[in-house]
């Protein structure tokens, strides 16, 4: 049966148990860690709104960036292919719209006509 003094003591968090009891890190570090943890928690509680807005903004940028990169790469490929077709005079009778269509087809996996 547990004694009365054992009931009044709270259980140590797992990280305190591992780092400071089992490994034996200095106790002065524990007080610094706990002080910084308290400061961080106060900062988060005071700035929840700004942290949430920042997280939404960062998530939006991370979501949009691959789309922008793909579109930019595709536009660059189409531009270079169009210039290549015009400079080598492939299908000279083709109109500008047809040349652009050939370039788009090539950049998305097709082949250029000979």
PDB file of N, CA and C in Angstrom:
ATOM      1  N   UNK A   1       0.839  -1.180   0.000  1.00  0.00           N
ATOM      2  CA  UNK A   1       0.000   0.000   0.000  1.00  0.00           C
ATOM      3  C   UNK A   1       0.886   1.246   0.000  1.00  0.00           C
ATOM      4  N   UNK A   2       0.486   2.277  -0.750  1.00  0.00           N
ATOM      5  CA  UNK A   2       1.266   3.495  -0.868  1.00  0.00           C
ATOM      6  C   UNK A   2       1.105   4.357   0.378  1.00  0.00           C
ATOM      7  N   UNK A   3       2.202   5.005   0.717  1.00  0.00           N
ATOM      8  CA  UNK A   3       2.137   5.898   1.871  1.00  0.00           C
ATOM      9  C   UNK A   3       1.535   7.235   1.457  1.00  0.00           C
ATOM     10  N   UNK A   4       1.213   8.066   2.435  1.00  0.00           N
ATOM     11  CA  UNK A   4       0.587   9.352   2.190  1.00  0.00           C
ATOM     12  C   UNK A   4       1.522  10.285   1.425  1.00  0.00           C
ATOM     13  N   UNK A   5       2.831  10.231   1.669  1.00  0.00           N
ATOM     14  CA  UNK A   5       3.778  11.099   0.980  1.00  0.00           C
ATOM     15  C   UNK A   5       3.902  10.710  -0.494  1.00  0.00           C
ATOM     16  N   UNK A   6       3.751   9.422  -0.828  1.00  0.00           N
ATOM     17  CA  UNK A   6       3.793   8.987  -2.218  1.00  0.00           C
ATOM     18  C   UNK A   6       2.594   9.495  -3.005  1.00  0.00           C
ATOM     19  N   UNK A   7       1.450   9.617  -2.357  1.00  0.00           N
ATOM     20  CA  UNK A   7       0.239  10.090  -3.030  1.00  0.00           C
ATOM     21  C   UNK A   7       0.336  11.580  -3.363  1.00  0.00           C
ATOM     22  N   UNK A   8       1.021  12.364  -2.532  1.00  0.00           N
ATOM     23  CA  UNK A   8       1.118  13.805  -2.734  1.00  0.00           C
ATOM     24  C   UNK A   8       2.124  14.180  -3.828  1.00  0.00           C
ATOM     25  N   UNK A   9       3.072  13.313  -4.144  1.00  0.00           N
ATOM     26  CA  UNK A   9       4.066  13.608  -5.164  1.00  0.00           C
ATOM     27  C   UNK A   9       3.490  13.311  -6.553  1.00  0.00           C
ATOM     28  N   UNK A  10       3.692  14.265  -7.459  1.00  0.00           N
ATOM     29  CA  UNK A  10       3.209  14.043  -8.815  1.00  0.00           C
ATOM     30  C   UNK A  10       4.273  13.286  -9.601  1.00  0.00           C
ATOM     31  N   UNK A  11       3.832  12.588 -10.616  1.00  0.00           N
ATOM     32  CA  UNK A  11       4.745  11.823 -11.455  1.00  0.00           C
ATOM     33  C   UNK A  11       5.493  12.770 -12.382  1.00  0.00           C
ATOM     34  N   UNK A  12       6.800  12.547 -12.561  1.00  0.00           N
ATOM     35  CA  UNK A  12       7.616  13.384 -13.434  1.00  0.00           C
ATOM     36  C   UNK A  12       7.271  13.113 -14.896  1.00  0.00           C
ATOM     37  N   UNK A  13       7.331  14.159 -15.729  1.00  0.00           N
ATOM     38  CA  UNK A  13       7.137  13.923 -17.164  1.00  0.00           C
ATOM     39  C   UNK A  13       8.218  12.969 -17.680  1.00  0.00           C
ATOM     40  N   UNK A  14       7.910  12.266 -18.754  1.00  0.00           N
ATOM     41  CA  UNK A  14       8.826  11.242 -19.269  1.00  0.00           C
ATOM     42  C   UNK A  14      10.164  11.828 -19.677  1.00  0.00           C
ATOM     43  N   UNK A  15      10.153  13.058 -20.259  1.00  0.00           N
ATOM     44  CA  UNK A  15      11.412  13.634 -20.713  1.00  0.00           C
ATOM     45  C   UNK A  15      12.295  14.065 -19.550  1.00  0.00           C
ATOM     46  N   UNK A  16      11.678  14.488 -18.427  1.00  0.00           N
ATOM     47  CA  UNK A  16      12.455  14.824 -17.237  1.00  0.00           C
ATOM     48  C   UNK A  16      13.054  13.553 -16.655  1.00  0.00           C
ATOM     49  N   UNK A  17      12.255  12.525 -16.621  1.00  0.00           N
ATOM     50  CA  UNK A  17      12.714  11.238 -16.093  1.00  0.00           C
ATOM     51  C   UNK A  17      13.919  10.716 -16.883  1.00  0.00           C
ATOM     52  N   UNK A  18      13.835  10.782 -18.199  1.00  0.00           N
ATOM     53  CA  UNK A  18      14.922  10.249 -19.028  1.00  0.00           C
ATOM     54  C   UNK A  18      16.166  11.123 -18.952  1.00  0.00           C
ATOM     55  N   UNK A  19      15.979  12.432 -19.182  1.00  0.00           N
ATOM     56  CA  UNK A  19      17.137  13.318 -19.295  1.00  0.00           C
ATOM     57  C   UNK A  19      17.810  13.635 -17.964  1.00  0.00           C
ATOM     58  N   UNK A  20      17.035  13.858 -16.935  1.00  0.00           N
ATOM     59  CA  UNK A  20      17.620  14.359 -15.699  1.00  0.00           C
ATOM     60  C   UNK A  20      17.754  13.288 -14.610  1.00  0.00           C
ATOM     61  N   UNK A  21      16.933  12.270 -14.652  1.00  0.00           N
ATOM     62  CA  UNK A  21      17.055  11.218 -13.641  1.00  0.00           C
ATOM     63  C   UNK A  21      17.928  10.075 -14.164  1.00  0.00           C
ATOM     64  N   UNK A  22      17.616   9.578 -15.360  1.00  0.00           N
ATOM     65  CA  UNK A  22      18.346   8.428 -15.888  1.00  0.00           C
ATOM     66  C   UNK A  22      19.717   8.818 -16.448  1.00  0.00           C
ATOM     67  N   UNK A  23      19.755   9.850 -17.290  1.00  0.00           N
ATOM     68  CA  UNK A  23      21.022  10.251 -17.913  1.00  0.00           C
ATOM     69  C   UNK A  23      21.857  11.096 -16.950  1.00  0.00           C
ATOM     70  N   UNK A  24      21.207  11.917 -16.151  1.00  0.00           N
ATOM     71  CA  UNK A  24      21.920  12.697 -15.155  1.00  0.00           C
ATOM     72  C   UNK A  24      22.387  14.058 -15.630  1.00  0.00           C
ATOM     73  N   UNK A  25      21.601  14.739 -16.452  1.00  0.00           N
ATOM     74  CA  UNK A  25      21.950  16.087 -16.863  1.00  0.00           C
ATOM     75  C   UNK A  25      21.864  17.035 -15.660  1.00  0.00           C
ATOM     76  N   UNK A  26      22.576  18.159 -15.697  1.00  0.00           N
ATOM     77  CA  UNK A  26      22.569  19.085 -14.549  1.00  0.00           C
ATOM     78  C   UNK A  26      21.177  19.651 -14.263  1.00  0.00           C
ATOM     79  N   UNK A  27      20.881  19.828 -12.974  1.00  0.00           N
ATOM     80  CA  UNK A  27      19.572  20.344 -12.575  1.00  0.00           C
ATOM     81  C   UNK A  27      19.376  21.795 -12.987  1.00  0.00           C
ATOM     82  N   UNK A  28      20.447  22.540 -13.142  1.00  0.00           N
ATOM     83  CA  UNK A  28      20.318  23.940 -13.557  1.00  0.00           C
ATOM     84  C   UNK A  28      19.714  24.034 -14.961  1.00  0.00           C
ATOM     85  N   UNK A  29      19.978  23.048 -15.775  1.00  0.00           N
ATOM     86  CA  UNK A  29      19.397  23.034 -17.127  1.00  0.00           C
ATOM     87  C   UNK A  29      17.884  22.863 -17.051  1.00  0.00           C
ATOM     88  N   UNK A  30      17.426  22.057 -16.095  1.00  0.00           N
ATOM     89  CA  UNK A  30      15.993  21.802 -15.967  1.00  0.00           C
ATOM     90  C   UNK A  30      15.256  23.099 -15.667  1.00  0.00           C
ATOM     91  N   UNK A  31      15.787  23.906 -14.755  1.00  0.00           N
ATOM     92  CA  UNK A  31      15.114  25.165 -14.429  1.00  0.00           C
ATOM     93  C   UNK A  31      15.095  26.103 -15.637  1.00  0.00           C
ATOM     94  N   UNK A  32      16.172  26.144 -16.415  1.00  0.00           N
ATOM     95  CA  UNK A  32      16.207  26.987 -17.614  1.00  0.00           C
ATOM     96  C   UNK A  32      15.213  26.493 -18.657  1.00  0.00           C
ATOM     97  N   UNK A  33      15.153  25.177 -18.830  1.00  0.00           N
ATOM     98  CA  UNK A  33      14.217  24.598 -19.807  1.00  0.00           C
ATOM     99  C   UNK A  33      12.784  24.900 -19.415  1.00  0.00           C
ATOM    100  N   UNK A  34      12.467  24.737 -18.142  1.00  0.00           N
ATOM    101  CA  UNK A  34      11.093  24.987 -17.677  1.00  0.00           C
ATOM    102  C   UNK A  34      10.731  26.474 -17.796  1.00  0.00           C
ATOM    103  N   UNK A  35      11.696  27.362 -17.539  1.00  0.00           N
ATOM    104  CA  UNK A  35      11.452  28.794 -17.664  1.00  0.00           C
ATOM    105  C   UNK A  35      11.182  29.157 -19.126  1.00  0.00           C
ATOM    106  N   UNK A  36      11.993  28.619 -20.035  1.00  0.00           N
ATOM    107  CA  UNK A  36      11.787  28.892 -21.462  1.00  0.00           C
ATOM    108  C   UNK A  36      10.496  28.277 -21.972  1.00  0.00           C
ATOM    109  N   UNK A  37      10.132  27.130 -21.446  1.00  0.00           N
ATOM    110  CA  UNK A  37       8.876  26.485 -21.838  1.00  0.00           C
ATOM    111  C   UNK A  37       7.690  27.359 -21.418  1.00  0.00           C
ATOM    112  N   UNK A  38       7.761  27.922 -20.211  1.00  0.00           N
ATOM    113  CA  UNK A  38       6.702  28.793 -19.733  1.00  0.00           C
ATOM    114  C   UNK A  38       6.617  30.059 -20.589  1.00  0.00           C
ATOM    115  N   UNK A  39       7.776  30.653 -20.938  1.00  0.00           N
ATOM    116  CA  UNK A  39       7.786  31.838 -21.799  1.00  0.00           C
ATOM    117  C   UNK A  39       7.189  31.528 -23.169  1.00  0.00           C
ATOM    118  N   UNK A  40       7.557  30.364 -23.723  1.00  0.00           N
ATOM    119  CA  UNK A  40       7.036  29.972 -25.037  1.00  0.00           C
ATOM    120  C   UNK A  40       5.524  29.782 -24.981  1.00  0.00           C
ATOM    121  N   UNK A  41       5.028  29.128 -23.940  1.00  0.00           N
ATOM    122  CA  UNK A  41       3.584  28.912 -23.813  1.00  0.00           C
ATOM    123  C   UNK A  41       2.847  30.245 -23.673  1.00  0.00           C
ATOM    124  N   UNK A  42       3.421  31.188 -22.920  1.00  0.00           N
ATOM    125  CA  UNK A  42       2.803  32.511 -22.796  1.00  0.00           C
ATOM    126  C   UNK A  42       2.801  33.239 -24.144  1.00  0.00           C
ATOM    127  N   UNK A  43       3.901  33.145 -24.874  1.00  0.00           N
ATOM    128  CA  UNK A  43       3.978  33.771 -26.198  1.00  0.00           C
ATOM    129  C   UNK A  43       2.920  33.197 -27.135  1.00  0.00           C
ATOM    130  N   UNK A  44       2.773  31.880 -27.140  1.00  0.00           N
ATOM    131  CA  UNK A  44       1.775  31.234 -28.008  1.00  0.00           C
ATOM    132  C   UNK A  44       0.367  31.649 -27.604  1.00  0.00           C
ATOM    133  N   UNK A  45       0.100  31.690 -26.312  1.00  0.00           N
ATOM    134  CA  UNK A  45      -1.241  32.088 -25.860  1.00  0.00           C
ATOM    135  C   UNK A  45      -1.552  33.538 -26.203  1.00  0.00           C
ATOM    136  N   UNK A  46      -0.546  34.404 -26.166  1.00  0.00           N
ATOM    137  CA  UNK A  46      -0.762  35.815 -26.481  1.00  0.00           C
ATOM    138  C   UNK A  46      -0.896  36.066 -27.975  1.00  0.00           C
ATOM    139  N   UNK A  47      -0.352  35.197 -28.813  1.00  0.00           N
ATOM    140  CA  UNK A  47      -0.305  35.428 -30.266  1.00  0.00           C
ATOM    141  C   UNK A  47      -0.973  34.329 -31.080  1.00  0.00           C
ATOM    142  N   UNK A  48      -1.983  33.686 -30.550  1.00  0.00           N
ATOM    143  CA  UNK A  48      -2.654  32.589 -31.259  1.00  0.00           C
ATOM    144  C   UNK A  48      -3.201  33.032 -32.609  1.00  0.00           C
ATOM    145  N   UNK A  49      -3.784  34.219 -32.647  1.00  0.00           N
ATOM    146  CA  UNK A  49      -4.403  34.715 -33.876  1.00  0.00           C
ATOM    147  C   UNK A  49      -3.354  34.888 -34.982  1.00  0.00           C
ATOM    148  N   UNK A  50      -2.224  35.512 -34.649  1.00  0.00           N
ATOM    149  CA  UNK A  50      -1.179  35.747 -35.640  1.00  0.00           C
ATOM    150  C   UNK A  50      -0.508  34.446 -36.067  1.00  0.00           C
ATOM    151  N   UNK A  51      -0.362  33.538 -35.143  1.00  0.00           N
ATOM    152  CA  UNK A  51       0.232  32.239 -35.478  1.00  0.00           C
ATOM    153  C   UNK A  51      -0.685  31.475 -36.424  1.00  0.00           C
ATOM    154  N   UNK A  52      -1.990  31.532 -36.186  1.00  0.00           N
ATOM    155  CA  UNK A  52      -2.949  30.852 -37.062  1.00  0.00           C
ATOM    156  C   UNK A  52      -2.930  31.467 -38.466  1.00  0.00           C
ATOM    157  N   UNK A  53      -2.920  32.809 -38.550  1.00  0.00           N
ATOM    158  CA  UNK A  53      -2.858  33.463 -39.857  1.00  0.00           C
ATOM    159  C   UNK A  53      -1.564  33.119 -40.590  1.00  0.00           C
ATOM    160  N   UNK A  54      -0.482  33.093 -39.869  1.00  0.00           N
ATOM    161  CA  UNK A  54       0.808  32.753 -40.482  1.00  0.00           C
ATOM    162  C   UNK A  54       0.802  31.321 -40.993  1.00  0.00           C
ATOM    163  N   UNK A  55       0.225  30.407 -40.221  1.00  0.00           N
ATOM    164  CA  UNK A  55       0.160  29.007 -40.642  1.00  0.00           C
ATOM    165  C   UNK A  55      -0.693  28.855 -41.898  1.00  0.00           C
ATOM    166  N   UNK A  56      -1.804  29.574 -41.968  1.00  0.00           N
ATOM    167  CA  UNK A  56      -2.665  29.519 -43.157  1.00  0.00           C
ATOM    168  C   UNK A  56      -1.933  30.092 -44.368  1.00  0.00           C
ATOM    169  N   UNK A  57      -1.225  31.196 -44.176  1.00  0.00           N
ATOM    170  CA  UNK A  57      -0.471  31.806 -45.268  1.00  0.00           C
ATOM    171  C   UNK A  57       0.624  30.873 -45.783  1.00  0.00           C
ATOM    172  N   UNK A  58       1.367  30.273 -44.878  1.00  0.00           N
ATOM    173  CA  UNK A  58       2.439  29.354 -45.272  1.00  0.00           C
ATOM    174  C   UNK A  58       1.867  28.124 -45.973  1.00  0.00           C
ATOM    175  N   UNK A  59       0.764  27.587 -45.452  1.00  0.00           N
ATOM    176  CA  UNK A  59       0.126  26.436 -46.098  1.00  0.00           C
ATOM    177  C   UNK A  59      -0.349  26.798 -47.507  1.00  0.00           C
ATOM    178  N   UNK A  60      -0.897  27.999 -47.672  1.00  0.00           N
ATOM    179  CA  UNK A  60      -1.341  28.445 -48.991  1.00  0.00           C
ATOM    180  C   UNK A  60      -0.195  28.558 -49.973  1.00  0.00           C
ATOM    181  N   UNK A  61       0.918  29.123 -49.520  1.00  0.00           N
ATOM    182  CA  UNK A  61       2.090  29.250 -50.395  1.00  0.00           C
ATOM    183  C   UNK A  61       2.621  27.873 -50.771  1.00  0.00           C
ATOM    184  N   UNK A  62       2.702  26.966 -49.794  1.00  0.00           N
ATOM    185  CA  UNK A  62       3.187  25.613 -50.081  1.00  0.00           C
ATOM    186  C   UNK A  62       2.257  24.856 -51.026  1.00  0.00           C
ATOM    187  N   UNK A  63       0.961  25.168 -50.976  1.00  0.00           N
ATOM    188  CA  UNK A  63      -0.002  24.514 -51.865  1.00  0.00           C
ATOM    189  C   UNK A  63       0.096  25.061 -53.290  1.00  0.00           C
ATOM    190  N   UNK A  64       0.273  26.374 -53.425  1.00  0.00           N
ATOM    191  CA  UNK A  64       0.270  27.030 -54.724  1.00  0.00           C
ATOM    192  C   UNK A  64       1.608  26.895 -55.450  1.00  0.00           C
ATOM    193  N   UNK A  65       2.717  26.831 -54.731  1.00  0.00           N
ATOM    194  CA  UNK A  65       4.050  26.866 -55.344  1.00  0.00           C
ATOM    195  C   UNK A  65       4.262  25.800 -56.426  1.00  0.00           C
ATOM    196  N   UNK A  66       3.905  24.523 -56.208  1.00  0.00           N
ATOM    197  CA  UNK A  66       4.115  23.536 -57.289  1.00  0.00           C
ATOM    198  C   UNK A  66       3.309  23.854 -58.548  1.00  0.00           C
ATOM    199  N   UNK A  67       2.142  24.433 -58.393  1.00  0.00           N
ATOM    200  CA  UNK A  67       1.318  24.791 -59.546  1.00  0.00           C
ATOM    201  C   UNK A  67       1.991  25.915 -60.331  1.00  0.00           C
ATOM    202  N   UNK A  68       2.498  26.903 -59.623  1.00  0.00           N
ATOM    203  CA  UNK A  68       3.176  28.027 -60.273  1.00  0.00           C
ATOM    204  C   UNK A  68       4.440  27.541 -60.967  1.00  0.00           C
ATOM    205  N   UNK A  69       5.196  26.672 -60.310  1.00  0.00           N
ATOM    206  CA  UNK A  69       6.431  26.156 -60.901  1.00  0.00           C
ATOM    207  C   UNK A  69       6.139  25.350 -62.165  1.00  0.00           C
ATOM    208  N   UNK A  70       5.104  24.511 -62.153  1.00  0.00           N
ATOM    209  CA  UNK A  70       4.737  23.714 -63.330  1.00  0.00           C
ATOM    210  C   UNK A  70       4.294  24.621 -64.474  1.00  0.00           C
ATOM    211  N   UNK A  71       3.477  25.619 -64.155  1.00  0.00           N
ATOM    212  CA  UNK A  71       2.987  26.528 -65.183  1.00  0.00           C
ATOM    213  C   UNK A  71       4.132  27.323 -65.804  1.00  0.00           C
ATOM    214  N   UNK A  72       5.049  27.776 -64.980  1.00  0.00           N
ATOM    215  CA  UNK A  72       6.198  28.529 -65.474  1.00  0.00           C
ATOM    216  C   UNK A  72       7.069  27.662 -66.375  1.00  0.00           C
ATOM    217  N   UNK A  73       7.306  26.437 -65.956  1.00  0.00           N
ATOM    218  CA  UNK A  73       8.113  25.516 -66.750  1.00  0.00           C
ATOM    219  C   UNK A  73       7.437  25.192 -68.081  1.00  0.00           C
ATOM    220  N   UNK A  74       6.134  24.991 -68.037  1.00  0.00           N
ATOM    221  CA  UNK A  74       5.385  24.687 -69.254  1.00  0.00           C
ATOM    222  C   UNK A  74       5.405  25.875 -70.213  1.00  0.00           C
ATOM    223  N   UNK A  75       5.216  27.076 -69.698  1.00  0.00           N
ATOM    224  CA  UNK A  75       5.227  28.266 -70.548  1.00  0.00           C
ATOM    225  C   UNK A  75       6.606  28.468 -71.174  1.00  0.00           C
ATOM    226  N   UNK A  76       7.652  28.213 -70.410  1.00  0.00           N
ATOM    227  CA  UNK A  76       9.007  28.337 -70.934  1.00  0.00           C
ATOM    228  C   UNK A  76       9.257  27.321 -72.049  1.00  0.00           C
ATOM    229  N   UNK A  77       8.800  26.100 -71.854  1.00  0.00           N
ATOM    230  CA  UNK A  77       8.964  25.051 -72.862  1.00  0.00           C
ATOM    231  C   UNK A  77       8.216  25.422 -74.141  1.00  0.00           C
ATOM    232  N   UNK A  78       7.001  25.903 -73.994  1.00  0.00           N
ATOM    233  CA  UNK A  78       6.197  26.272 -75.158  1.00  0.00           C
ATOM    234  C   UNK A  78       6.858  27.414 -75.921  1.00  0.00           C
ATOM    235  N   UNK A  79       7.367  28.405 -75.194  1.00  0.00           N
ATOM    236  CA  UNK A  79       8.036  29.548 -75.839  1.00  0.00           C
ATOM    237  C   UNK A  79       9.273  29.087 -76.611  1.00  0.00           C
ATOM    238  N   UNK A  80      10.100  28.267 -75.985  1.00  0.00           N
ATOM    239  CA  UNK A  80      11.324  27.794 -76.648  1.00  0.00           C
ATOM    240  C   UNK A  80      11.004  26.910 -77.850  1.00  0.00           C
ATOM    241  N   UNK A  81       9.992  26.067 -77.723  1.00  0.00           N
ATOM    242  CA  UNK A  81       9.616  25.182 -78.826  1.00  0.00           C
ATOM    243  C   UNK A  81       9.039  25.988 -79.993  1.00  0.00           C
ATOM    244  N   UNK A  82       8.245  27.006 -79.690  1.00  0.00           N
ATOM    245  CA  UNK A  82       7.693  27.862 -80.736  1.00  0.00           C
ATOM    246  C   UNK A  82       8.814  28.562 -81.503  1.00  0.00           C
ATOM    247  N   UNK A  83       9.782  29.076 -80.777  1.00  0.00           N
ATOM    248  CA  UNK A  83      10.928  29.729 -81.433  1.00  0.00           C
ATOM    249  C   UNK A  83      11.711  28.724 -82.281  1.00  0.00           C
ATOM    250  N   UNK A  84      11.865  27.506 -81.786  1.00  0.00           N
ATOM    251  CA  UNK A  84      12.578  26.469 -82.539  1.00  0.00           C
ATOM    252  C   UNK A  84      11.846  26.133 -83.833  1.00  0.00           C
ATOM    253  N   UNK A  85      10.527  25.987 -83.735  1.00  0.00           N
ATOM    254  CA  UNK A  85       9.736  25.648 -84.923  1.00  0.00           C
ATOM    255  C   UNK A  85       9.836  26.765 -85.955  1.00  0.00           C
ATOM    256  N   UNK A  86       9.748  28.012 -85.501  1.00  0.00           N
ATOM    257  CA  UNK A  86       9.823  29.144 -86.434  1.00  0.00           C
ATOM    258  C   UNK A  86      11.214  29.280 -87.042  1.00  0.00           C
ATOM    259  N   UNK A  87      12.263  29.030 -86.237  1.00  0.00           N
ATOM    260  CA  UNK A  87      13.624  29.206 -86.756  1.00  0.00           C
ATOM    261  C   UNK A  87      14.011  28.106 -87.745  1.00  0.00           C
ATOM    262  N   UNK A  88      13.507  26.896 -87.540  1.00  0.00           N
ATOM    263  CA  UNK A  88      13.837  25.789 -88.437  1.00  0.00           C
ATOM    264  C   UNK A  88      12.818  25.636 -89.562  1.00  0.00           C
ATOM    265  N   UNK A  89      11.821  26.500 -89.576  1.00  0.00           N
ATOM    266  CA  UNK A  89      10.815  26.541 -90.640  1.00  0.00           C
ATOM    267  C   UNK A  89      10.166  25.174 -90.867  1.00  0.00           C
ATOM    268  N   UNK A  90       9.840  24.513 -89.744  1.00  0.00           N
ATOM    269  CA  UNK A  90       9.116  23.244 -89.830  1.00  0.00           C
ATOM    270  C   UNK A  90       7.663  23.582 -90.185  1.00  0.00           C
ATOM    271  N   UNK A  91       7.132  22.898 -91.177  1.00  0.00           N
ATOM    272  CA  UNK A  91       5.758  23.139 -91.648  1.00  0.00           C
ATOM    273  C   UNK A  91       5.537  24.633 -91.892  1.00  0.00           C
ATOM    274  N   UNK A  92       6.234  25.154 -92.844  1.00  0.00           N
ATOM    275  CA  UNK A  92       6.230  26.592 -93.133  1.00  0.00           C
ATOM    276  C   UNK A  92       4.825  27.112 -93.415  1.00  0.00           C
ATOM    277  N   UNK A  93       3.958  26.293 -93.867  1.00  0.00           N
ATOM    278  CA  UNK A  93       2.611  26.746 -94.201  1.00  0.00           C
ATOM    279  C   UNK A  93       1.697  26.848 -92.969  1.00  0.00           C
ATOM    280  N   UNK A  94       2.185  26.414 -91.818  1.00  0.00           N
ATOM    281  CA  UNK A  94       1.357  26.454 -90.605  1.00  0.00           C
ATOM    282  C   UNK A  94       1.146  27.898 -90.150  1.00  0.00           C
ATOM    283  N   UNK A  95      -0.022  28.187 -89.630  1.00  0.00           N
ATOM    284  CA  UNK A  95      -0.306  29.508 -89.073  1.00  0.00           C
ATOM    285  C   UNK A  95       0.252  29.593 -87.651  1.00  0.00           C
ATOM    286  N   UNK A  96       0.270  30.799 -87.083  1.00  0.00           N
ATOM    287  CA  UNK A  96       0.834  31.019 -85.743  1.00  0.00           C
ATOM    288  C   UNK A  96       0.089  30.191 -84.691  1.00  0.00           C
ATOM    289  N   UNK A  97      -1.224  30.078 -84.814  1.00  0.00           N
ATOM    290  CA  UNK A  97      -1.996  29.301 -83.846  1.00  0.00           C
ATOM    291  C   UNK A  97      -1.628  27.825 -83.946  1.00  0.00           C
ATOM    292  N   UNK A  98      -1.424  27.352 -85.151  1.00  0.00           N
ATOM    293  CA  UNK A  98      -1.040  25.958 -85.338  1.00  0.00           C
ATOM    294  C   UNK A  98       0.359  25.699 -84.784  1.00  0.00           C
ATOM    295  N   UNK A  99       1.261  26.654 -84.943  1.00  0.00           N
ATOM    296  CA  UNK A  99       2.615  26.498 -84.407  1.00  0.00           C
ATOM    297  C   UNK A  99       2.562  26.413 -82.881  1.00  0.00           C
ATOM    298  N   UNK A 100       1.725  27.249 -82.284  1.00  0.00           N
ATOM    299  CA  UNK A 100       1.572  27.210 -80.829  1.00  0.00           C
ATOM    300  C   UNK A 100       0.975  25.870 -80.394  1.00  0.00           C
ATOM    301  N   UNK A 101       0.019  25.361 -81.148  1.00  0.00           N
ATOM    302  CA  UNK A 101      -0.581  24.061 -80.828  1.00  0.00           C
ATOM    303  C   UNK A 101       0.452  22.945 -80.926  1.00  0.00           C
ATOM    304  N   UNK A 102       1.309  22.994 -81.951  1.00  0.00           N
ATOM    305  CA  UNK A 102       2.378  22.007 -82.078  1.00  0.00           C
ATOM    306  C   UNK A 102       3.336  22.083 -80.887  1.00  0.00           C
ATOM    307  N   UNK A 103       3.656  23.305 -80.453  1.00  0.00           N
ATOM    308  CA  UNK A 103       4.565  23.493 -79.326  1.00  0.00           C
ATOM    309  C   UNK A 103       3.952  22.956 -78.033  1.00  0.00           C
ATOM    310  N   UNK A 104       2.667  23.224 -77.820  1.00  0.00           N
ATOM    311  CA  UNK A 104       1.990  22.712 -76.618  1.00  0.00           C
ATOM    312  C   UNK A 104       1.968  21.187 -76.649  1.00  0.00           C
ATOM    313  N   UNK A 105       1.661  20.623 -77.789  1.00  0.00           N
ATOM    314  CA  UNK A 105       1.651  19.161 -77.912  1.00  0.00           C
ATOM    315  C   UNK A 105       3.015  18.554 -77.642  1.00  0.00           C
ATOM    316  N   UNK A 106       4.061  19.197 -78.151  1.00  0.00           N
ATOM    317  CA  UNK A 106       5.417  18.696 -77.927  1.00  0.00           C
ATOM    318  C   UNK A 106       5.796  18.768 -76.442  1.00  0.00           C
ATOM    319  N   UNK A 107       5.457  19.868 -75.795  1.00  0.00           N
ATOM    320  CA  UNK A 107       5.829  20.051 -74.384  1.00  0.00           C
ATOM    321  C   UNK A 107       5.043  19.138 -73.450  1.00  0.00           C
ATOM    322  N   UNK A 108       3.939  18.605 -73.934  1.00  0.00           N
ATOM    323  CA  UNK A 108       3.160  17.689 -73.102  1.00  0.00           C
ATOM    324  C   UNK A 108       3.284  16.243 -73.568  1.00  0.00           C
ATOM    325  N   UNK A 109       4.397  15.938 -74.206  1.00  0.00           N
ATOM    326  CA  UNK A 109       4.692  14.548 -74.504  1.00  0.00           C
ATOM    327  C   UNK A 109       4.579  14.142 -75.947  1.00  0.00           C
ATOM    328  N   UNK A 110       4.224  15.039 -76.832  1.00  0.00           N
ATOM    329  CA  UNK A 110       4.110  14.687 -78.248  1.00  0.00           C
ATOM    330  C   UNK A 110       5.432  14.802 -78.957  1.00  0.00           C
ATOM    331  N   UNK A 111       5.369  14.736 -80.268  1.00  0.00           N
ATOM    332  CA  UNK A 111       6.597  14.876 -81.062  1.00  0.00           C
ATOM    333  C   UNK A 111       6.377  15.964 -82.116  1.00  0.00           C
ATOM    334  N   UNK A 112       7.474  16.515 -82.575  1.00  0.00           N
ATOM    335  CA  UNK A 112       7.401  17.533 -83.605  1.00  0.00           C
ATOM    336  C   UNK A 112       7.314  16.862 -84.978  1.00  0.00           C
ATOM    337  N   UNK A 113       6.539  17.487 -85.881  1.00  0.00           N
ATOM    338  CA  UNK A 113       6.472  16.909 -87.231  1.00  0.00           C
ATOM    339  C   UNK A 113       7.776  17.148 -87.962  1.00  0.00           C
ATOM    340  N   UNK A 114       8.088  16.277 -88.825  1.00  0.00           N
ATOM    341  CA  UNK A 114       9.347  16.375 -89.612  1.00  0.00           C
ATOM    342  C   UNK A 114       9.113  17.166 -90.860  1.00  0.00           C
TER     343      UNK A 114
END
